[in-house]
Amino acid sequence: MDEVPSSDESKSASSGKRVLEQSVHELEEVFKKFDANGDGKISGSELADILRSMGSEVDEAEVKAMMEEADTDGDGYVSLQEFVDLNIKGATVKDLKNAFKVFDRDCNGTISPAELCETLKSVGEPCTIEESKNIIHNVDKNGDGLINVEEFQTMMTSEMTDKSK
């Protein structure tokens, strides 16, 4: 049997991607505000200044901890990509859990091929059980033929962060 193209996999994420693309654009605008000197990166002092201007009482240790969490490449600054990745990771967990519930029609904590197909059809996406099985196969890390919430989150966030790069 032929492998379904990866574009079919994205059917389940199409509305989430549109929301994310808008969110990434909004994050770019926020980043520009944080980046006071316009050098394309946020320093610890820029982060502290913006947080204080928003009324947060942050001390040096808190700013340092925030920078360490966000600065994944260890250069001492937060790049736009690091800023987007950090915000997508934090902002979407609740949204992804809510989206998962839409697909998990029987509320058993997993998405079966039938549930995936039913949900896609309900939003006007043509789908067969075989296509659903192929989509699930691409993200099913534990090999049970189902998508659990962690696999769903991984699938959605990897597609989202790929869009932001």
C-alpha atoms as a PDB file:
ATOM      1  CA  MET A   1       0.000   0.000   0.000  1.00  0.00           C
ATOM      2  CA  ASP A   2       1.322   3.468  -0.868  1.00  0.00           C
ATOM      3  CA  GLU A   3       2.387   5.812   1.918  1.00  0.00           C
ATOM      4  CA  VAL A   4       0.075   8.795   2.288  1.00  0.00           C
ATOM      5  CA  PRO A   5       1.910  12.066   1.603  1.00  0.00           C
ATOM      6  CA  SER A   6       2.859  14.064   4.654  1.00  0.00           C
ATOM      7  CA  SER A   7       0.447  16.790   3.558  1.00  0.00           C
ATOM      8  CA  ASP A   8      -2.395  14.511   4.682  1.00  0.00           C
ATOM      9  CA  GLU A   9      -0.910  14.500   8.158  1.00  0.00           C
ATOM     10  CA  SER A  10      -1.294  18.243   8.333  1.00  0.00           C
ATOM     11  CA  LYS A  11      -5.058  18.082   7.763  1.00  0.00           C
ATOM     12  CA  SER A  12      -5.557  17.573  11.463  1.00  0.00           C
ATOM     13  CA  ALA A  13      -3.433  20.617  12.225  1.00  0.00           C
ATOM     14  CA  SER A  14      -4.574  23.084   9.554  1.00  0.00           C
ATOM     15  CA  SER A  15      -6.611  25.358  11.780  1.00  0.00           C
ATOM     16  CA  GLY A  16      -3.997  25.164  14.512  1.00  0.00           C
ATOM     17  CA  LYS A  17      -1.325  26.183  12.009  1.00  0.00           C
ATOM     18  CA  ARG A  18      -3.310  29.225  10.902  1.00  0.00           C
ATOM     19  CA  VAL A  19      -3.675  30.326  14.510  1.00  0.00           C
ATOM     20  CA  LEU A  20       0.003  29.672  15.094  1.00  0.00           C
ATOM     21  CA  GLU A  21       1.123  31.665  12.066  1.00  0.00           C
ATOM     22  CA  GLN A  22      -0.846  34.619  13.397  1.00  0.00           C
ATOM     23  CA  SER A  23       0.631  34.022  16.859  1.00  0.00           C
ATOM     24  CA  VAL A  24       4.175  33.916  15.455  1.00  0.00           C
ATOM     25  CA  HIS A  25       3.584  37.260  13.732  1.00  0.00           C
ATOM     26  CA  GLU A  26       2.274  38.710  17.007  1.00  0.00           C
ATOM     27  CA  LEU A  27       5.288  37.300  18.863  1.00  0.00           C
ATOM     28  CA  GLU A  28       7.606  38.961  16.343  1.00  0.00           C
ATOM     29  CA  GLU A  29       5.948  42.299  17.147  1.00  0.00           C
ATOM     30  CA  VAL A  30       6.298  41.703  20.896  1.00  0.00           C
ATOM     31  CA  PHE A  31       9.930  40.694  20.377  1.00  0.00           C
ATOM     32  CA  LYS A  32      10.626  43.999  18.626  1.00  0.00           C
ATOM     33  CA  LYS A  33       9.260  45.844  21.673  1.00  0.00           C
ATOM     34  CA  PHE A  34      11.461  43.829  24.028  1.00  0.00           C
ATOM     35  CA  ASP A  35      14.481  44.389  21.775  1.00  0.00           C
ATOM     36  CA  ALA A  36      14.861  48.049  22.783  1.00  0.00           C
ATOM     37  CA  ASN A  37      18.106  48.685  20.880  1.00  0.00           C
ATOM     38  CA  GLY A  38      16.950  46.849  17.743  1.00  0.00           C
ATOM     39  CA  ASP A  39      19.942  44.511  17.521  1.00  0.00           C
ATOM     40  CA  GLY A  40      17.792  41.415  16.914  1.00  0.00           C
ATOM     41  CA  LYS A  41      18.271  39.892  20.342  1.00  0.00           C
ATOM     42  CA  ILE A  42      16.994  40.478  23.859  1.00  0.00           C
ATOM     43  CA  SER A  43      19.539  41.015  26.604  1.00  0.00           C
ATOM     44  CA  GLY A  44      18.950  40.474  30.301  1.00  0.00           C
ATOM     45  CA  SER A  45      18.773  44.223  30.893  1.00  0.00           C
ATOM     46  CA  GLU A  46      16.202  44.662  28.102  1.00  0.00           C
ATOM     47  CA  LEU A  47      14.120  41.870  29.612  1.00  0.00           C
ATOM     48  CA  ALA A  48      14.340  43.419  33.081  1.00  0.00           C
ATOM     49  CA  ASP A  49      13.419  46.879  31.761  1.00  0.00           C
ATOM     50  CA  ILE A  50      10.341  45.673  29.912  1.00  0.00           C
ATOM     51  CA  LEU A  51       9.153  43.542  32.839  1.00  0.00           C
ATOM     52  CA  ARG A  52       9.564  46.478  35.225  1.00  0.00           C
ATOM     53  CA  SER A  53       7.731  48.786  32.806  1.00  0.00           C
ATOM     54  CA  MET A  54       4.830  46.327  32.935  1.00  0.00           C
ATOM     55  CA  GLY A  55       4.779  46.543  36.737  1.00  0.00           C
ATOM     56  CA  SER A  56       6.665  43.341  37.567  1.00  0.00           C
ATOM     57  CA  GLU A  57       8.968  43.492  40.537  1.00  0.00           C
ATOM     58  CA  VAL A  58      11.777  41.270  39.256  1.00  0.00           C
ATOM     59  CA  ASP A  59      15.183  40.909  40.786  1.00  0.00           C
ATOM     60  CA  GLU A  60      18.436  40.026  39.072  1.00  0.00           C
ATOM     61  CA  ALA A  61      18.155  36.333  39.983  1.00  0.00           C
ATOM     62  CA  GLU A  62      14.678  36.067  38.430  1.00  0.00           C
ATOM     63  CA  VAL A  63      15.831  37.776  35.237  1.00  0.00           C
ATOM     64  CA  LYS A  64      18.850  35.474  35.094  1.00  0.00           C
ATOM     65  CA  ALA A  65      16.612  32.398  35.500  1.00  0.00           C
ATOM     66  CA  MET A  66      14.283  33.627  32.744  1.00  0.00           C
ATOM     67  CA  MET A  67      17.224  34.253  30.441  1.00  0.00           C
ATOM     68  CA  GLU A  68      18.678  30.803  31.123  1.00  0.00           C
ATOM     69  CA  GLU A  69      15.352  29.158  30.277  1.00  0.00           C
ATOM     70  CA  ALA A  70      14.907  31.114  27.053  1.00  0.00           C
ATOM     71  CA  ASP A  71      18.533  31.261  25.850  1.00  0.00           C
ATOM     72  CA  THR A  72      18.804  27.742  24.480  1.00  0.00           C
ATOM     73  CA  ASP A  73      22.000  28.330  22.505  1.00  0.00           C
ATOM     74  CA  GLY A  74      23.815  29.797  25.519  1.00  0.00           C
ATOM     75  CA  ASP A  75      24.997  33.016  23.863  1.00  0.00           C
ATOM     76  CA  GLY A  76      23.658  35.231  26.657  1.00  0.00           C
ATOM     77  CA  TYR A  77      20.828  36.653  24.557  1.00  0.00           C
ATOM     78  CA  VAL A  78      17.355  35.586  23.472  1.00  0.00           C
ATOM     79  CA  SER A  79      16.996  35.459  19.692  1.00  0.00           C
ATOM     80  CA  LEU A  80      13.673  35.802  17.908  1.00  0.00           C
ATOM     81  CA  GLN A  81      13.595  32.027  17.324  1.00  0.00           C
ATOM     82  CA  GLU A  82      14.262  31.300  21.006  1.00  0.00           C
ATOM     83  CA  PHE A  83      11.565  33.808  21.984  1.00  0.00           C
ATOM     84  CA  VAL A  84       9.023  32.240  19.610  1.00  0.00           C
ATOM     85  CA  ASP A  85       9.907  28.687  20.671  1.00  0.00           C
ATOM     86  CA  LEU A  86       9.585  29.551  24.368  1.00  0.00           C
ATOM     87  CA  ASN A  87       6.239  31.269  23.910  1.00  0.00           C
ATOM     88  CA  ILE A  88       4.787  28.600  21.642  1.00  0.00           C
ATOM     89  CA  LYS A  89       5.785  25.890  24.080  1.00  0.00           C
ATOM     90  CA  GLY A  90       4.181  27.638  27.031  1.00  0.00           C
ATOM     91  CA  ALA A  91       1.176  29.186  25.362  1.00  0.00           C
ATOM     92  CA  THR A  92      -0.046  26.201  23.441  1.00  0.00           C
ATOM     93  CA  VAL A  93      -0.054  23.394  25.996  1.00  0.00           C
ATOM     94  CA  LYS A  94      -3.576  24.251  27.183  1.00  0.00           C
ATOM     95  CA  ASP A  95      -4.749  24.913  23.615  1.00  0.00           C
ATOM     96  CA  LEU A  96      -3.321  21.594  22.456  1.00  0.00           C
ATOM     97  CA  LYS A  97      -5.006  19.709  25.279  1.00  0.00           C
ATOM     98  CA  ASN A  98      -8.294  21.335  24.309  1.00  0.00           C
ATOM     99  CA  ALA A  99      -7.734  20.445  20.641  1.00  0.00           C
ATOM    100  CA  PHE A 100      -6.904  16.878  21.658  1.00  0.00           C
ATOM    101  CA  LYS A 101     -10.278  16.626  23.414  1.00  0.00           C
ATOM    102  CA  VAL A 102     -12.031  17.486  20.139  1.00  0.00           C
ATOM    103  CA  PHE A 103     -10.385  14.493  18.443  1.00  0.00           C
ATOM    104  CA  ASP A 104     -10.720  12.139  21.436  1.00  0.00           C
ATOM    105  CA  ARG A 105     -14.454  11.626  20.918  1.00  0.00           C
ATOM    106  CA  ASP A 106     -14.859   8.795  23.441  1.00  0.00           C
ATOM    107  CA  CYS A 107     -12.725  10.624  26.060  1.00  0.00           C
ATOM    108  CA  ASN A 108     -10.484   7.612  26.713  1.00  0.00           C
ATOM    109  CA  GLY A 109      -7.202   9.543  26.402  1.00  0.00           C
ATOM    110  CA  THR A 110      -6.297   8.371  22.898  1.00  0.00           C
ATOM    111  CA  ILE A 111      -7.272   9.170  19.321  1.00  0.00           C
ATOM    112  CA  SER A 112      -8.112   6.124  17.225  1.00  0.00           C
ATOM    113  CA  PRO A 113      -8.072   6.030  13.424  1.00  0.00           C
ATOM    114  CA  ALA A 114     -11.895   6.129  13.455  1.00  0.00           C
ATOM    115  CA  GLU A 115     -11.966   9.175  15.759  1.00  0.00           C
ATOM    116  CA  LEU A 116      -9.386  10.976  13.642  1.00  0.00           C
ATOM    117  CA  CYS A 117     -11.319  10.246  10.463  1.00  0.00           C
ATOM    118  CA  GLU A 118     -14.670  11.287  11.992  1.00  0.00           C
ATOM    119  CA  THR A 119     -13.223  14.562  13.250  1.00  0.00           C
ATOM    120  CA  LEU A 120     -11.569  15.391   9.939  1.00  0.00           C
ATOM    121  CA  LYS A 121     -14.802  14.636   8.080  1.00  0.00           C
ATOM    122  CA  SER A 122     -16.742  16.843  10.512  1.00  0.00           C
ATOM    123  CA  VAL A 123     -14.621  19.827   9.433  1.00  0.00           C
ATOM    124  CA  GLY A 124     -15.009  19.031   5.746  1.00  0.00           C
ATOM    125  CA  GLU A 125     -11.745  17.149   5.192  1.00  0.00           C
ATOM    126  CA  PRO A 126     -12.171  13.957   3.151  1.00  0.00           C
ATOM    127  CA  CYS A 127     -10.650  11.035   4.982  1.00  0.00           C
ATOM    128  CA  THR A 128     -10.535   7.247   4.960  1.00  0.00           C
ATOM    129  CA  ILE A 129      -9.647   4.926   7.809  1.00  0.00           C
ATOM    130  CA  GLU A 130      -6.515   3.911   5.882  1.00  0.00           C
ATOM    131  CA  GLU A 131      -5.421   7.568   5.635  1.00  0.00           C
ATOM    132  CA  SER A 132      -6.081   7.998   9.357  1.00  0.00           C
ATOM    133  CA  LYS A 133      -3.945   4.949  10.118  1.00  0.00           C
ATOM    134  CA  ASN A 134      -1.094   6.403   8.055  1.00  0.00           C
ATOM    135  CA  ILE A 135      -1.357   9.776   9.800  1.00  0.00           C
ATOM    136  CA  ILE A 136      -1.299   8.042  13.178  1.00  0.00           C
ATOM    137  CA  HIS A 137       1.610   5.818  12.128  1.00  0.00           C
ATOM    138  CA  ASN A 138       3.690   8.955  11.454  1.00  0.00           C
ATOM    139  CA  VAL A 139       3.304  10.230  15.028  1.00  0.00           C
ATOM    140  CA  ASP A 140       2.711   7.065  17.059  1.00  0.00           C
ATOM    141  CA  LYS A 141       5.859   6.871  19.183  1.00  0.00           C
ATOM    142  CA  ASN A 142       4.771   3.956  21.379  1.00  0.00           C
ATOM    143  CA  GLY A 143       3.446   1.843  18.496  1.00  0.00           C
ATOM    144  CA  ASP A 144      -0.033   1.200  19.888  1.00  0.00           C
ATOM    145  CA  GLY A 145      -1.816   2.437  16.751  1.00  0.00           C
ATOM    146  CA  LEU A 146      -3.345   5.352  18.649  1.00  0.00           C
ATOM    147  CA  ILE A 147      -2.339   8.952  19.377  1.00  0.00           C
ATOM    148  CA  ASN A 148      -2.071   9.862  23.057  1.00  0.00           C
ATOM    149  CA  VAL A 149      -2.000  13.451  24.291  1.00  0.00           C
ATOM    150  CA  GLU A 150       1.816  13.575  24.404  1.00  0.00           C
ATOM    151  CA  GLU A 151       2.125  12.308  20.824  1.00  0.00           C
ATOM    152  CA  PHE A 152      -0.524  14.811  19.728  1.00  0.00           C
ATOM    153  CA  GLN A 153       1.328  17.676  21.434  1.00  0.00           C
ATOM    154  CA  THR A 154       4.635  16.598  19.901  1.00  0.00           C
ATOM    155  CA  MET A 155       3.093  16.367  16.438  1.00  0.00           C
ATOM    156  CA  MET A 156       1.409  19.751  16.701  1.00  0.00           C
ATOM    157  CA  THR A 157       4.319  21.632  18.266  1.00  0.00           C
ATOM    158  CA  SER A 158       6.864  20.200  15.838  1.00  0.00           C
ATOM    159  CA  GLU A 159       4.668  21.339  12.946  1.00  0.00           C
ATOM    160  CA  MET A 160       4.187  24.714  14.623  1.00  0.00           C
ATOM    161  CA  THR A 161       7.819  25.403  15.325  1.00  0.00           C
ATOM    162  CA  ASP A 162       8.736  24.260  11.815  1.00  0.00           C
ATOM    163  CA  LYS A 163       6.406  27.016  10.560  1.00  0.00           C
ATOM    164  CA  SER A 164       8.140  29.633  12.709  1.00  0.00           C
ATOM    165  CA  LYS A 165      11.635  28.885  11.397  1.00  0.00           C
END
